[in-house]
Every structure is written in C-alpha cells, then in structure tokens.
C-alpha cells in the first residue's frame, strides 16, 4: 500500500476511535441496543474503506488493486482491537 495512503488511514483510525466517537455514538442511537456495537464497527469500517478508496483515486489516480485491498484488510486486522474497543 502506498505510504501516503497508509499514513492517512492510520490517522482516520485514530480519528474514528477518538475524534469522531461522539458522532458515531449519536448515529448508533438509531440502532437497537443489542446491535449498537456492530453498527458502530460497521460505521468505522465504512469510513475507513471510503477513505482508502478515495485516497487511492486521488493519490494514485486509479482504483486500488486487489493486493492493495488485501493490505488494507491487513491494516484493519492490525487495529481490530482498537476499533472494536470503541464500537
């Protein structure tokens, strides 16, 4: 994965678990209580995937490759505990 994109995604992970937590919590109020954690995790993953795709298009001037998508998923797995702790 391109280093610029990885750095942006690392910042987005931090933002999702710290900075935008109130926004995500507010959105989760729309879900049933038992679904709120799954909903929050889905919002975070969606934000990160959107950023990954958009930054690939902006920085690399193309859609991400299958290999880059695999690297993105690997990055998410590395931060899985951090993401789930806040969802």
PDB file of N, CA and C in Angstrom:
ATOM      1  N   UNK A   1       0.852  -1.176   0.000  1.00  0.00           N
ATOM      2  CA  UNK A   1       0.000   0.000   0.000  1.00  0.00           C
ATOM      3  C   UNK A   1       0.895   1.234   0.000  1.00  0.00           C
ATOM      4  N   UNK A   2       0.484   2.217  -0.722  1.00  0.00           N
ATOM      5  CA  UNK A   2       1.227   3.467  -0.790  1.00  0.00           C
ATOM      6  C   UNK A   2       1.384   4.049   0.621  1.00  0.00           C
ATOM      7  N   UNK A   3       2.578   4.545   0.934  1.00  0.00           N
ATOM      8  CA  UNK A   3       2.867   5.072   2.278  1.00  0.00           C
ATOM      9  C   UNK A   3       1.975   6.249   2.643  1.00  0.00           C
ATOM     10  N   UNK A   4       1.681   7.121   1.689  1.00  0.00           N
ATOM     11  CA  UNK A   4       0.812   8.269   1.961  1.00  0.00           C
ATOM     12  C   UNK A   4      -0.588   7.799   2.361  1.00  0.00           C
ATOM     13  N   UNK A   5      -1.090   6.815   1.637  1.00  0.00           N
ATOM     14  CA  UNK A   5      -2.426   6.296   1.921  1.00  0.00           C
ATOM     15  C   UNK A   5      -2.440   5.610   3.280  1.00  0.00           C
ATOM     16  N   UNK A   6      -1.402   4.834   3.575  1.00  0.00           N
ATOM     17  CA  UNK A   6      -1.348   4.166   4.874  1.00  0.00           C
ATOM     18  C   UNK A   6      -1.322   5.184   6.013  1.00  0.00           C
ATOM     19  N   UNK A   7      -0.569   6.252   5.845  1.00  0.00           N
ATOM     20  CA  UNK A   7      -0.498   7.290   6.880  1.00  0.00           C
ATOM     21  C   UNK A   7      -1.869   7.939   7.076  1.00  0.00           C
ATOM     22  N   UNK A   8      -2.562   8.225   5.988  1.00  0.00           N
ATOM     23  CA  UNK A   8      -3.894   8.813   6.073  1.00  0.00           C
ATOM     24  C   UNK A   8      -4.853   7.862   6.784  1.00  0.00           C
ATOM     25  N   UNK A   9      -4.761   6.575   6.463  1.00  0.00           N
ATOM     26  CA  UNK A   9      -5.642   5.597   7.101  1.00  0.00           C
ATOM     27  C   UNK A   9      -5.348   5.458   8.585  1.00  0.00           C
ATOM     28  N   UNK A  10      -4.080   5.488   8.951  1.00  0.00           N
ATOM     29  CA  UNK A  10      -3.723   5.437  10.377  1.00  0.00           C
ATOM     30  C   UNK A  10      -4.348   6.631  11.100  1.00  0.00           C
ATOM     31  N   UNK A  11      -4.306   7.805  10.483  1.00  0.00           N
ATOM     32  CA  UNK A  11      -4.920   8.992  11.074  1.00  0.00           C
ATOM     33  C   UNK A  11      -6.435   8.832  11.177  1.00  0.00           C
ATOM     34  N   UNK A  12      -7.055   8.230  10.153  1.00  0.00           N
ATOM     35  CA  UNK A  12      -8.500   8.002  10.164  1.00  0.00           C
ATOM     36  C   UNK A  12      -8.887   7.015  11.264  1.00  0.00           C
ATOM     37  N   UNK A  13      -8.062   6.004  11.483  1.00  0.00           N
ATOM     38  CA  UNK A  13      -8.341   5.048  12.555  1.00  0.00           C
ATOM     39  C   UNK A  13      -8.328   5.779  13.892  1.00  0.00           C
ATOM     40  N   UNK A  14      -7.316   6.595  14.092  1.00  0.00           N
ATOM     41  CA  UNK A  14      -7.234   7.364  15.338  1.00  0.00           C
ATOM     42  C   UNK A  14      -8.440   8.303  15.463  1.00  0.00           C
ATOM     43  N   UNK A  15      -8.792   8.961  14.372  1.00  0.00           N
ATOM     44  CA  UNK A  15      -9.926   9.882  14.374  1.00  0.00           C
ATOM     45  C   UNK A  15     -11.233   9.146  14.683  1.00  0.00           C
ATOM     46  N   UNK A  16     -11.386   7.961  14.122  1.00  0.00           N
ATOM     47  CA  UNK A  16     -12.609   7.190  14.338  1.00  0.00           C
ATOM     48  C   UNK A  16     -12.745   6.716  15.777  1.00  0.00           C
ATOM     49  N   UNK A  17     -11.623   6.417  16.408  1.00  0.00           N
ATOM     50  CA  UNK A  17     -11.683   5.888  17.768  1.00  0.00           C
ATOM     51  C   UNK A  17     -11.574   6.968  18.830  1.00  0.00           C
ATOM     52  N   UNK A  18     -11.211   8.158  18.443  1.00  0.00           N
ATOM     53  CA  UNK A  18     -11.063   9.250  19.414  1.00  0.00           C
ATOM     54  C   UNK A  18     -11.894  10.465  19.004  1.00  0.00           C
ATOM     55  N   UNK A  19     -11.569  11.060  17.895  1.00  0.00           N
ATOM     56  CA  UNK A  19     -12.146  12.346  17.498  1.00  0.00           C
ATOM     57  C   UNK A  19     -13.604  12.314  17.091  1.00  0.00           C
ATOM     58  N   UNK A  20     -14.020  11.312  16.366  1.00  0.00           N
ATOM     59  CA  UNK A  20     -15.392  11.252  15.851  1.00  0.00           C
ATOM     60  C   UNK A  20     -16.268  10.304  16.660  1.00  0.00           C
ATOM     61  N   UNK A  21     -15.798   9.913  17.821  1.00  0.00           N
ATOM     62  CA  UNK A  21     -16.522   8.939  18.625  1.00  0.00           C
ATOM     63  C   UNK A  21     -17.926   9.421  18.980  1.00  0.00           C
ATOM     64  N   UNK A  22     -18.088  10.698  19.292  1.00  0.00           N
ATOM     65  CA  UNK A  22     -19.418  11.218  19.627  1.00  0.00           C
ATOM     66  C   UNK A  22     -20.357  11.152  18.424  1.00  0.00           C
ATOM     67  N   UNK A  23     -19.848  11.451  17.240  1.00  0.00           N
ATOM     68  CA  UNK A  23     -20.672  11.354  16.030  1.00  0.00           C
ATOM     69  C   UNK A  23     -21.141   9.918  15.822  1.00  0.00           C
ATOM     70  N   UNK A  24     -20.219   8.987  15.966  1.00  0.00           N
ATOM     71  CA  UNK A  24     -20.548   7.575  15.771  1.00  0.00           C
ATOM     72  C   UNK A  24     -21.532   7.112  16.845  1.00  0.00           C
ATOM     73  N   UNK A  25     -21.313   7.531  18.079  1.00  0.00           N
ATOM     74  CA  UNK A  25     -22.216   7.169  19.174  1.00  0.00           C
ATOM     75  C   UNK A  25     -23.621   7.702  18.911  1.00  0.00           C
ATOM     76  N   UNK A  26     -23.705   8.921  18.414  1.00  0.00           N
ATOM     77  CA  UNK A  26     -25.008   9.514  18.094  1.00  0.00           C
ATOM     78  C   UNK A  26     -25.717   8.698  17.020  1.00  0.00           C
ATOM     79  N   UNK A  27     -24.994   8.324  15.982  1.00  0.00           N
ATOM     80  CA  UNK A  27     -25.584   7.502  14.922  1.00  0.00           C
ATOM     81  C   UNK A  27     -26.038   6.144  15.458  1.00  0.00           C
ATOM     82  N   UNK A  28     -25.289   5.598  16.393  1.00  0.00           N
ATOM     83  CA  UNK A  28     -25.625   4.290  16.953  1.00  0.00           C
ATOM     84  C   UNK A  28     -26.905   4.334  17.773  1.00  0.00           C
ATOM     85  N   UNK A  29     -27.294   5.519  18.193  1.00  0.00           N
ATOM     86  CA  UNK A  29     -28.561   5.661  18.892  1.00  0.00           C
ATOM     87  C   UNK A  29     -29.738   5.273  18.022  1.00  0.00           C
ATOM     88  N   UNK A  30     -29.528   5.208  16.716  1.00  0.00           N
ATOM     89  CA  UNK A  30     -30.581   4.811  15.785  1.00  0.00           C
ATOM     90  C   UNK A  30     -30.773   3.300  15.753  1.00  0.00           C
ATOM     91  N   UNK A  31     -29.777   2.550  16.199  1.00  0.00           N
ATOM     92  CA  UNK A  31     -29.834   1.093  16.165  1.00  0.00           C
ATOM     93  C   UNK A  31     -30.413   0.566  17.478  1.00  0.00           C
ATOM     94  N   UNK A  32     -30.903  -0.646  17.419  1.00  0.00           N
ATOM     95  CA  UNK A  32     -31.337  -1.292  18.659  1.00  0.00           C
ATOM     96  C   UNK A  32     -30.125  -1.469  19.551  1.00  0.00           C
ATOM     97  N   UNK A  33     -30.351  -1.452  20.835  1.00  0.00           N
ATOM     98  CA  UNK A  33     -29.250  -1.507  21.801  1.00  0.00           C
ATOM     99  C   UNK A  33     -28.332  -2.706  21.558  1.00  0.00           C
ATOM    100  N   UNK A  34     -28.902  -3.869  21.280  1.00  0.00           N
ATOM    101  CA  UNK A  34     -28.077  -5.065  21.083  1.00  0.00           C
ATOM    102  C   UNK A  34     -27.276  -5.018  19.777  1.00  0.00           C
ATOM    103  N   UNK A  35     -27.659  -4.147  18.852  1.00  0.00           N
ATOM    104  CA  UNK A  35     -26.960  -4.025  17.574  1.00  0.00           C
ATOM    105  C   UNK A  35     -26.000  -2.841  17.536  1.00  0.00           C
ATOM    106  N   UNK A  36     -25.968  -2.028  18.577  1.00  0.00           N
ATOM    107  CA  UNK A  36     -25.217  -0.773  18.550  1.00  0.00           C
ATOM    108  C   UNK A  36     -23.721  -0.981  18.318  1.00  0.00           C
ATOM    109  N   UNK A  37     -23.106  -1.979  18.954  1.00  0.00           N
ATOM    110  CA  UNK A  37     -21.671  -2.204  18.769  1.00  0.00           C
ATOM    111  C   UNK A  37     -21.341  -2.636  17.353  1.00  0.00           C
ATOM    112  N   UNK A  38     -22.146  -3.506  16.799  1.00  0.00           N
ATOM    113  CA  UNK A  38     -21.928  -3.952  15.418  1.00  0.00           C
ATOM    114  C   UNK A  38     -22.127  -2.783  14.462  1.00  0.00           C
ATOM    115  N   UNK A  39     -23.130  -1.970  14.724  1.00  0.00           N
ATOM    116  CA  UNK A  39     -23.408  -0.797  13.902  1.00  0.00           C
ATOM    117  C   UNK A  39     -22.234   0.180  13.940  1.00  0.00           C
ATOM    118  N   UNK A  40     -21.704   0.435  15.140  1.00  0.00           N
ATOM    119  CA  UNK A  40     -20.562   1.349  15.296  1.00  0.00           C
ATOM    120  C   UNK A  40     -19.341   0.812  14.556  1.00  0.00           C
ATOM    121  N   UNK A  41     -19.078  -0.483  14.680  1.00  0.00           N
ATOM    122  CA  UNK A  41     -17.946  -1.097  13.987  1.00  0.00           C
ATOM    123  C   UNK A  41     -18.127  -0.957  12.472  1.00  0.00           C
ATOM    124  N   UNK A  42     -19.346  -1.161  12.002  1.00  0.00           N
ATOM    125  CA  UNK A  42     -19.633  -1.013  10.574  1.00  0.00           C
ATOM    126  C   UNK A  42     -19.412   0.413  10.079  1.00  0.00           C
ATOM    127  N   UNK A  43     -19.803   1.389  10.887  1.00  0.00           N
ATOM    128  CA  UNK A  43     -19.588   2.795  10.522  1.00  0.00           C
ATOM    129  C   UNK A  43     -18.093   3.070  10.400  1.00  0.00           C
ATOM    130  N   UNK A  44     -17.321   2.620  11.373  1.00  0.00           N
ATOM    131  CA  UNK A  44     -15.864   2.853  11.343  1.00  0.00           C
ATOM    132  C   UNK A  44     -15.226   2.191  10.124  1.00  0.00           C
ATOM    133  N   UNK A  45     -15.583   0.937   9.854  1.00  0.00           N
ATOM    134  CA  UNK A  45     -15.017   0.234   8.698  1.00  0.00           C
ATOM    135  C   UNK A  45     -15.439   0.931   7.409  1.00  0.00           C
ATOM    136  N   UNK A  46     -16.690   1.369   7.335  1.00  0.00           N
ATOM    137  CA  UNK A  46     -17.172   2.091   6.153  1.00  0.00           C
ATOM    138  C   UNK A  46     -16.413   3.381   5.915  1.00  0.00           C
ATOM    139  N   UNK A  47     -16.178   4.137   6.994  1.00  0.00           N
ATOM    140  CA  UNK A  47     -15.422   5.391   6.867  1.00  0.00           C
ATOM    141  C   UNK A  47     -14.011   5.103   6.363  1.00  0.00           C
ATOM    142  N   UNK A  48     -13.399   4.067   6.917  1.00  0.00           N
ATOM    143  CA  UNK A  48     -12.024   3.734   6.534  1.00  0.00           C
ATOM    144  C   UNK A  48     -11.948   3.240   5.094  1.00  0.00           C
ATOM    145  N   UNK A  49     -12.900   2.399   4.684  1.00  0.00           N
ATOM    146  CA  UNK A  49     -12.897   1.915   3.300  1.00  0.00           C
ATOM    147  C   UNK A  49     -13.107   3.076   2.330  1.00  0.00           C
ATOM    148  N   UNK A  50     -14.021   3.960   2.659  1.00  0.00           N
ATOM    149  CA  UNK A  50     -14.266   5.127   1.812  1.00  0.00           C
ATOM    150  C   UNK A  50     -12.993   5.960   1.677  1.00  0.00           C
ATOM    151  N   UNK A  51     -12.307   6.170   2.778  1.00  0.00           N
ATOM    152  CA  UNK A  51     -11.065   6.940   2.751  1.00  0.00           C
ATOM    153  C   UNK A  51     -10.000   6.222   1.922  1.00  0.00           C
ATOM    154  N   UNK A  52      -9.872   4.912   2.133  1.00  0.00           N
ATOM    155  CA  UNK A  52      -8.907   4.111   1.370  1.00  0.00           C
ATOM    156  C   UNK A  52      -9.174   4.226  -0.133  1.00  0.00           C
ATOM    157  N   UNK A  53     -10.411   4.056  -0.522  1.00  0.00           N
ATOM    158  CA  UNK A  53     -10.758   4.105  -1.941  1.00  0.00           C
ATOM    159  C   UNK A  53     -10.541   5.510  -2.505  1.00  0.00           C
ATOM    160  N   UNK A  54     -11.039   6.525  -1.793  1.00  0.00           N
ATOM    161  CA  UNK A  54     -10.911   7.906  -2.258  1.00  0.00           C
ATOM    162  C   UNK A  54      -9.441   8.319  -2.366  1.00  0.00           C
ATOM    163  N   UNK A  55      -8.646   8.003  -1.359  1.00  0.00           N
ATOM    164  CA  UNK A  55      -7.237   8.390  -1.379  1.00  0.00           C
ATOM    165  C   UNK A  55      -6.471   7.655  -2.475  1.00  0.00           C
ATOM    166  N   UNK A  56      -6.836   6.404  -2.734  1.00  0.00           N
ATOM    167  CA  UNK A  56      -6.198   5.674  -3.842  1.00  0.00           C
ATOM    168  C   UNK A  56      -6.485   6.381  -5.160  1.00  0.00           C
ATOM    169  N   UNK A  57      -7.729   6.796  -5.338  1.00  0.00           N
ATOM    170  CA  UNK A  57      -8.090   7.506  -6.570  1.00  0.00           C
ATOM    171  C   UNK A  57      -7.388   8.859  -6.653  1.00  0.00           C
ATOM    172  N   UNK A  58      -7.293   9.555  -5.528  1.00  0.00           N
ATOM    173  CA  UNK A  58      -6.711  10.898  -5.518  1.00  0.00           C
ATOM    174  C   UNK A  58      -5.190  10.854  -5.658  1.00  0.00           C
ATOM    175  N   UNK A  59      -4.540  10.007  -4.886  1.00  0.00           N
ATOM    176  CA  UNK A  59      -3.073   9.980  -4.858  1.00  0.00           C
ATOM    177  C   UNK A  59      -2.491   9.169  -6.008  1.00  0.00           C
ATOM    178  N   UNK A  60      -3.089   8.005  -6.277  1.00  0.00           N
ATOM    179  CA  UNK A  60      -2.537   7.123  -7.301  1.00  0.00           C
ATOM    180  C   UNK A  60      -3.209   7.291  -8.659  1.00  0.00           C
ATOM    181  N   UNK A  61      -4.281   8.071  -8.706  1.00  0.00           N
ATOM    182  CA  UNK A  61      -5.046   8.291  -9.941  1.00  0.00           C
ATOM    183  C   UNK A  61      -5.606   6.998 -10.525  1.00  0.00           C
ATOM    184  N   UNK A  62      -6.012   6.089  -9.625  1.00  0.00           N
ATOM    185  CA  UNK A  62      -6.603   4.826 -10.066  1.00  0.00           C
ATOM    186  C   UNK A  62      -7.293   4.165  -8.879  1.00  0.00           C
ATOM    187  N   UNK A  63      -8.100   3.181  -9.211  1.00  0.00           N
ATOM    188  CA  UNK A  63      -8.736   2.386  -8.158  1.00  0.00           C
ATOM    189  C   UNK A  63      -7.690   1.478  -7.518  1.00  0.00           C
ATOM    190  N   UNK A  64      -7.896   1.094  -6.263  1.00  0.00           N
ATOM    191  CA  UNK A  64      -6.932   0.209  -5.609  1.00  0.00           C
ATOM    192  C   UNK A  64      -6.926  -1.178  -6.254  1.00  0.00           C
ATOM    193  N   UNK A  65      -5.759  -1.795  -6.249  1.00  0.00           N
ATOM    194  CA  UNK A  65      -5.617  -3.148  -6.786  1.00  0.00           C
ATOM    195  C   UNK A  65      -6.076  -4.168  -5.738  1.00  0.00           C
ATOM    196  N   UNK A  66      -6.201  -5.419  -6.145  1.00  0.00           N
ATOM    197  CA  UNK A  66      -6.551  -6.485  -5.205  1.00  0.00           C
ATOM    198  C   UNK A  66      -5.503  -6.608  -4.103  1.00  0.00           C
ATOM    199  N   UNK A  67      -4.245  -6.445  -4.471  1.00  0.00           N
ATOM    200  CA  UNK A  67      -3.160  -6.518  -3.490  1.00  0.00           C
ATOM    201  C   UNK A  67      -3.278  -5.376  -2.475  1.00  0.00           C
ATOM    202  N   UNK A  68      -3.582  -4.191  -2.943  1.00  0.00           N
ATOM    203  CA  UNK A  68      -3.751  -3.047  -2.031  1.00  0.00           C
ATOM    204  C   UNK A  68      -4.967  -3.235  -1.126  1.00  0.00           C
ATOM    205  N   UNK A  69      -6.027  -3.820  -1.663  1.00  0.00           N
ATOM    206  CA  UNK A  69      -7.197  -4.118  -0.843  1.00  0.00           C
ATOM    207  C   UNK A  69      -6.817  -5.121   0.252  1.00  0.00           C
ATOM    208  N   UNK A  70      -6.044  -6.132  -0.100  1.00  0.00           N
ATOM    209  CA  UNK A  70      -5.567  -7.103   0.889  1.00  0.00           C
ATOM    210  C   UNK A  70      -4.742  -6.398   1.968  1.00  0.00           C
ATOM    211  N   UNK A  71      -3.875  -5.480   1.567  1.00  0.00           N
ATOM    212  CA  UNK A  71      -3.069  -4.725   2.531  1.00  0.00           C
ATOM    213  C   UNK A  71      -3.956  -3.860   3.427  1.00  0.00           C
ATOM    214  N   UNK A  72      -5.023  -3.304   2.866  1.00  0.00           N
ATOM    215  CA  UNK A  72      -5.976  -2.527   3.644  1.00  0.00           C
ATOM    216  C   UNK A  72      -6.645  -3.409   4.700  1.00  0.00           C
ATOM    217  N   UNK A  73      -7.086  -4.585   4.301  1.00  0.00           N
ATOM    218  CA  UNK A  73      -7.718  -5.518   5.237  1.00  0.00           C
ATOM    219  C   UNK A  73      -6.720  -5.921   6.324  1.00  0.00           C
ATOM    220  N   UNK A  74      -5.473  -6.143   5.937  1.00  0.00           N
ATOM    221  CA  UNK A  74      -4.429  -6.479   6.909  1.00  0.00           C
ATOM    222  C   UNK A  74      -4.245  -5.340   7.908  1.00  0.00           C
ATOM    223  N   UNK A  75      -4.254  -4.104   7.430  1.00  0.00           N
ATOM    224  CA  UNK A  75      -4.144  -2.943   8.308  1.00  0.00           C
ATOM    225  C   UNK A  75      -5.316  -2.899   9.297  1.00  0.00           C
ATOM    226  N   UNK A  76      -6.519  -3.182   8.809  1.00  0.00           N
ATOM    227  CA  UNK A  76      -7.680  -3.205   9.694  1.00  0.00           C
ATOM    228  C   UNK A  76      -7.534  -4.284  10.762  1.00  0.00           C
ATOM    229  N   UNK A  77      -7.018  -5.450  10.364  1.00  0.00           N
ATOM    230  CA  UNK A  77      -6.823  -6.533  11.330  1.00  0.00           C
ATOM    231  C   UNK A  77      -5.801  -6.148  12.395  1.00  0.00           C
ATOM    232  N   UNK A  78      -4.789  -5.389  12.001  1.00  0.00           N
ATOM    233  CA  UNK A  78      -3.785  -4.933  12.966  1.00  0.00           C
ATOM    234  C   UNK A  78      -4.401  -3.998  14.008  1.00  0.00           C
ATOM    235  N   UNK A  79      -5.449  -3.289  13.630  1.00  0.00           N
ATOM    236  CA  UNK A  79      -6.103  -2.314  14.513  1.00  0.00           C
ATOM    237  C   UNK A  79      -7.469  -2.807  14.996  1.00  0.00           C
ATOM    238  N   UNK A  80      -7.749  -4.075  14.803  1.00  0.00           N
ATOM    239  CA  UNK A  80      -9.067  -4.624  15.137  1.00  0.00           C
ATOM    240  C   UNK A  80      -9.459  -4.380  16.592  1.00  0.00           C
ATOM    241  N   UNK A  81      -8.550  -4.629  17.516  1.00  0.00           N
ATOM    242  CA  UNK A  81      -8.846  -4.428  18.933  1.00  0.00           C
ATOM    243  C   UNK A  81      -9.166  -2.974  19.217  1.00  0.00           C
ATOM    244  N   UNK A  82      -8.361  -2.083  18.671  1.00  0.00           N
ATOM    245  CA  UNK A  82      -8.578  -0.648  18.863  1.00  0.00           C
ATOM    246  C   UNK A  82      -9.947  -0.218  18.330  1.00  0.00           C
ATOM    247  N   UNK A  83     -10.310  -0.720  17.161  1.00  0.00           N
ATOM    248  CA  UNK A  83     -11.588  -0.362  16.555  1.00  0.00           C
ATOM    249  C   UNK A  83     -12.764  -0.955  17.330  1.00  0.00           C
ATOM    250  N   UNK A  84     -12.640  -2.196  17.749  1.00  0.00           N
ATOM    251  CA  UNK A  84     -13.735  -2.836  18.476  1.00  0.00           C
ATOM    252  C   UNK A  84     -13.895  -2.286  19.884  1.00  0.00           C
ATOM    253  N   UNK A  85     -12.822  -1.826  20.487  1.00  0.00           N
ATOM    254  CA  UNK A  85     -12.915  -1.253  21.833  1.00  0.00           C
ATOM    255  C   UNK A  85     -13.783  -0.017  21.859  1.00  0.00           C
ATOM    256  N   UNK A  86     -13.866   0.681  20.734  1.00  0.00           N
ATOM    257  CA  UNK A  86     -14.629   1.932  20.685  1.00  0.00           C
ATOM    258  C   UNK A  86     -15.955   1.777  19.967  1.00  0.00           C
ATOM    259  N   UNK A  87     -16.240   0.591  19.534  1.00  0.00           N
ATOM    260  CA  UNK A  87     -17.527   0.411  18.843  1.00  0.00           C
ATOM    261  C   UNK A  87     -18.570  -0.148  19.778  1.00  0.00           C
TER     262      UNK A  87
END
